[in-house]
Amino acid sequence: MPVPVGSMPGGGAHGPSTLDKLKMGGMMGGSVGLIIGFIFGFTNIVRYGPGPNGMLRTLGQYMMGSAATFGFFMAIGTTIRTDSSSIANEAFAKAYRRPMVLPRNYQFPRTSRDE
């Protein structure tokens, strides 16, 4: 049985690699594309008829074309989204750290700007 990506034994927290994210985006886009292709293909077959290729071949062409297009763009988008700089990661970590609680009578230190 395969081990989930986030729970790899022997080490710290390792996330999925860029190639794993590329494949995952392609599969998600492909599955969405199949469903959208089925809906649009079925609608066009009902409206205009199956044409010279027959119903199943026409529906399959709609589904495969849509799946390939959605899968390609989702894979590229997922890969681009994972590329972030260390500055962005540090800013995200600072934004979500625990808040610093000061005592009520705390006096901020004076700086040269305050004068």
C-alpha atoms as a PDB file:
ATOM      1  CA  MET A   1       0.000   0.000   0.000  1.00  0.00           C
ATOM      2  CA  PRO A   2       1.482   3.387  -0.950  1.00  0.00           C
ATOM      3  CA  VAL A   3       2.385   5.858   1.757  1.00  0.00           C
ATOM      4  CA  PRO A   4       0.660   9.268   1.559  1.00  0.00           C
ATOM      5  CA  VAL A   5       3.011  12.021   0.424  1.00  0.00           C
ATOM      6  CA  GLY A   6       2.870  14.075   3.626  1.00  0.00           C
ATOM      7  CA  SER A   7       3.678  11.179   5.964  1.00  0.00           C
ATOM      8  CA  MET A   8       6.997   9.882   4.692  1.00  0.00           C
ATOM      9  CA  PRO A   9       8.869   8.030   7.451  1.00  0.00           C
ATOM     10  CA  GLY A  10      12.326   9.012   8.645  1.00  0.00           C
ATOM     11  CA  GLY A  11      12.680  12.760   8.641  1.00  0.00           C
ATOM     12  CA  GLY A  12      10.973  16.078   8.940  1.00  0.00           C
ATOM     13  CA  ALA A  13       7.939  17.251   7.073  1.00  0.00           C
ATOM     14  CA  HIS A  14       8.517  16.733   3.360  1.00  0.00           C
ATOM     15  CA  GLY A  15       5.916  17.910   0.927  1.00  0.00           C
ATOM     16  CA  PRO A  16       5.303  16.646  -2.564  1.00  0.00           C
ATOM     17  CA  SER A  17       7.937  17.430  -5.184  1.00  0.00           C
ATOM     18  CA  THR A  18       7.289  19.726  -8.130  1.00  0.00           C
ATOM     19  CA  LEU A  19       6.850  16.723 -10.418  1.00  0.00           C
ATOM     20  CA  ASP A  20       4.291  15.241  -8.022  1.00  0.00           C
ATOM     21  CA  LYS A  21       2.380  18.515  -8.029  1.00  0.00           C
ATOM     22  CA  LEU A  22       2.558  18.652 -11.839  1.00  0.00           C
ATOM     23  CA  LYS A  23       1.059  15.160 -12.090  1.00  0.00           C
ATOM     24  CA  MET A  24      -1.573  15.930  -9.466  1.00  0.00           C
ATOM     25  CA  GLY A  25      -2.640  19.104 -11.290  1.00  0.00           C
ATOM     26  CA  GLY A  26      -2.801  17.239 -14.590  1.00  0.00           C
ATOM     27  CA  MET A  27      -4.979  14.511 -13.116  1.00  0.00           C
ATOM     28  CA  MET A  28      -7.313  16.998 -11.434  1.00  0.00           C
ATOM     29  CA  GLY A  29      -7.618  19.057 -14.603  1.00  0.00           C
ATOM     30  CA  GLY A  30      -8.118  15.944 -16.680  1.00  0.00           C
ATOM     31  CA  SER A  31     -10.946  14.688 -14.513  1.00  0.00           C
ATOM     32  CA  VAL A  32     -12.661  18.083 -14.529  1.00  0.00           C
ATOM     33  CA  GLY A  33     -12.149  18.250 -18.296  1.00  0.00           C
ATOM     34  CA  LEU A  34     -13.759  14.832 -18.781  1.00  0.00           C
ATOM     35  CA  ILE A  35     -16.849  15.922 -16.894  1.00  0.00           C
ATOM     36  CA  ILE A  36     -17.104  19.269 -18.690  1.00  0.00           C
ATOM     37  CA  GLY A  37     -16.505  17.544 -22.040  1.00  0.00           C
ATOM     38  CA  PHE A  38     -19.275  15.074 -21.296  1.00  0.00           C
ATOM     39  CA  ILE A  39     -21.705  17.866 -20.453  1.00  0.00           C
ATOM     40  CA  PHE A  40     -20.889  20.009 -23.499  1.00  0.00           C
ATOM     41  CA  GLY A  41     -20.592  17.029 -25.838  1.00  0.00           C
ATOM     42  CA  PHE A  42     -23.905  15.544 -24.750  1.00  0.00           C
ATOM     43  CA  THR A  43     -25.587  18.946 -25.066  1.00  0.00           C
ATOM     44  CA  ASN A  44     -24.249  19.433 -28.609  1.00  0.00           C
ATOM     45  CA  ILE A  45     -25.202  15.900 -29.644  1.00  0.00           C
ATOM     46  CA  VAL A  46     -28.755  16.471 -28.420  1.00  0.00           C
ATOM     47  CA  ARG A  47     -28.944  19.835 -30.193  1.00  0.00           C
ATOM     48  CA  TYR A  48     -27.244  19.141 -33.507  1.00  0.00           C
ATOM     49  CA  GLY A  49     -27.079  15.363 -33.779  1.00  0.00           C
ATOM     50  CA  PRO A  50     -24.049  13.070 -33.632  1.00  0.00           C
ATOM     51  CA  GLY A  51     -22.782  13.807 -37.148  1.00  0.00           C
ATOM     52  CA  PRO A  52     -21.004  11.334 -39.433  1.00  0.00           C
ATOM     53  CA  ASN A  53     -18.784   9.889 -36.651  1.00  0.00           C
ATOM     54  CA  GLY A  54     -21.608   8.539 -34.526  1.00  0.00           C
ATOM     55  CA  MET A  55     -22.634   9.396 -31.018  1.00  0.00           C
ATOM     56  CA  LEU A  56     -19.919   7.653 -28.979  1.00  0.00           C
ATOM     57  CA  ARG A  57     -17.009   8.845 -31.102  1.00  0.00           C
ATOM     58  CA  THR A  58     -18.282  12.430 -31.113  1.00  0.00           C
ATOM     59  CA  LEU A  59     -18.830  12.392 -27.352  1.00  0.00           C
ATOM     60  CA  GLY A  60     -15.382  10.865 -26.841  1.00  0.00           C
ATOM     61  CA  GLN A  61     -13.764  13.589 -28.940  1.00  0.00           C
ATOM     62  CA  TYR A  62     -15.419  16.287 -26.855  1.00  0.00           C
ATOM     63  CA  MET A  63     -14.394  14.601 -23.619  1.00  0.00           C
ATOM     64  CA  MET A  64     -10.777  13.893 -24.594  1.00  0.00           C
ATOM     65  CA  GLY A  65     -10.226  17.356 -26.071  1.00  0.00           C
ATOM     66  CA  SER A  66     -11.591  19.046 -22.992  1.00  0.00           C
ATOM     67  CA  ALA A  67      -9.660  16.748 -20.636  1.00  0.00           C
ATOM     68  CA  ALA A  68      -6.377  17.383 -22.458  1.00  0.00           C
ATOM     69  CA  THR A  69      -6.876  21.147 -22.426  1.00  0.00           C
ATOM     70  CA  PHE A  70      -7.958  21.374 -18.781  1.00  0.00           C
ATOM     71  CA  GLY A  71      -5.271  18.932 -17.681  1.00  0.00           C
ATOM     72  CA  PHE A  72      -2.492  20.818 -19.462  1.00  0.00           C
ATOM     73  CA  PHE A  73      -3.399  24.213 -18.052  1.00  0.00           C
ATOM     74  CA  MET A  74      -4.088  22.882 -14.552  1.00  0.00           C
ATOM     75  CA  ALA A  75      -0.708  21.106 -14.499  1.00  0.00           C
ATOM     76  CA  ILE A  76       1.103  24.281 -15.572  1.00  0.00           C
ATOM     77  CA  GLY A  77      -0.865  26.415 -13.110  1.00  0.00           C
ATOM     78  CA  THR A  78      -0.198  24.052 -10.216  1.00  0.00           C
ATOM     79  CA  THR A  79       3.514  23.994 -10.993  1.00  0.00           C
ATOM     80  CA  ILE A  80       3.758  27.780 -11.248  1.00  0.00           C
ATOM     81  CA  ARG A  81       1.837  28.194  -8.002  1.00  0.00           C
ATOM     82  CA  THR A  82       4.355  26.043  -6.100  1.00  0.00           C
ATOM     83  CA  ASP A  83       7.357  28.164  -7.077  1.00  0.00           C
ATOM     84  CA  SER A  84       7.689  30.739  -4.328  1.00  0.00           C
ATOM     85  CA  SER A  85      10.637  32.676  -3.028  1.00  0.00           C
ATOM     86  CA  SER A  86      12.094  32.385   0.451  1.00  0.00           C
ATOM     87  CA  ILE A  87      11.048  35.996   1.094  1.00  0.00           C
ATOM     88  CA  ALA A  88       7.411  35.095   0.468  1.00  0.00           C
ATOM     89  CA  ASN A  89       7.665  32.018   2.704  1.00  0.00           C
ATOM     90  CA  GLU A  90       9.194  34.107   5.501  1.00  0.00           C
ATOM     91  CA  ALA A  91       6.511  36.791   5.182  1.00  0.00           C
ATOM     92  CA  PHE A  92       3.797  34.126   5.332  1.00  0.00           C
ATOM     93  CA  ALA A  93       5.349  32.589   8.441  1.00  0.00           C
ATOM     94  CA  LYS A  94       5.567  36.001  10.141  1.00  0.00           C
ATOM     95  CA  ALA A  95       1.958  36.786   9.297  1.00  0.00           C
ATOM     96  CA  TYR A  96       0.725  33.605  10.950  1.00  0.00           C
ATOM     97  CA  ARG A  97       2.931  33.488  14.042  1.00  0.00           C
ATOM     98  CA  ARG A  98       1.461  33.743  17.498  1.00  0.00           C
ATOM     99  CA  PRO A  99       0.726  37.316  18.559  1.00  0.00           C
ATOM    100  CA  MET A 100       3.036  38.924  21.067  1.00  0.00           C
ATOM    101  CA  VAL A 101       1.159  39.968  24.205  1.00  0.00           C
ATOM    102  CA  LEU A 102       2.643  42.892  26.126  1.00  0.00           C
ATOM    103  CA  PRO A 103       1.817  43.921  29.677  1.00  0.00           C
ATOM    104  CA  ARG A 104      -0.583  46.806  30.018  1.00  0.00           C
ATOM    105  CA  ASN A 105       1.987  49.241  31.437  1.00  0.00           C
ATOM    106  CA  TYR A 106       4.737  48.425  28.908  1.00  0.00           C
ATOM    107  CA  GLN A 107       6.839  51.418  27.792  1.00  0.00           C
ATOM    108  CA  PHE A 108       8.166  51.203  24.270  1.00  0.00           C
ATOM    109  CA  PRO A 109      11.873  52.084  24.036  1.00  0.00           C
ATOM    110  CA  ARG A 110      12.592  55.538  22.644  1.00  0.00           C
ATOM    111  CA  THR A 111      14.425  55.764  19.355  1.00  0.00           C
ATOM    112  CA  SER A 112      16.082  58.605  17.492  1.00  0.00           C
ATOM    113  CA  ARG A 113      12.958  58.960  15.336  1.00  0.00           C
ATOM    114  CA  ASP A 114      10.816  59.886  18.355  1.00  0.00           C
ATOM    115  CA  GLU A 115      12.764  63.021  19.174  1.00  0.00           C
END
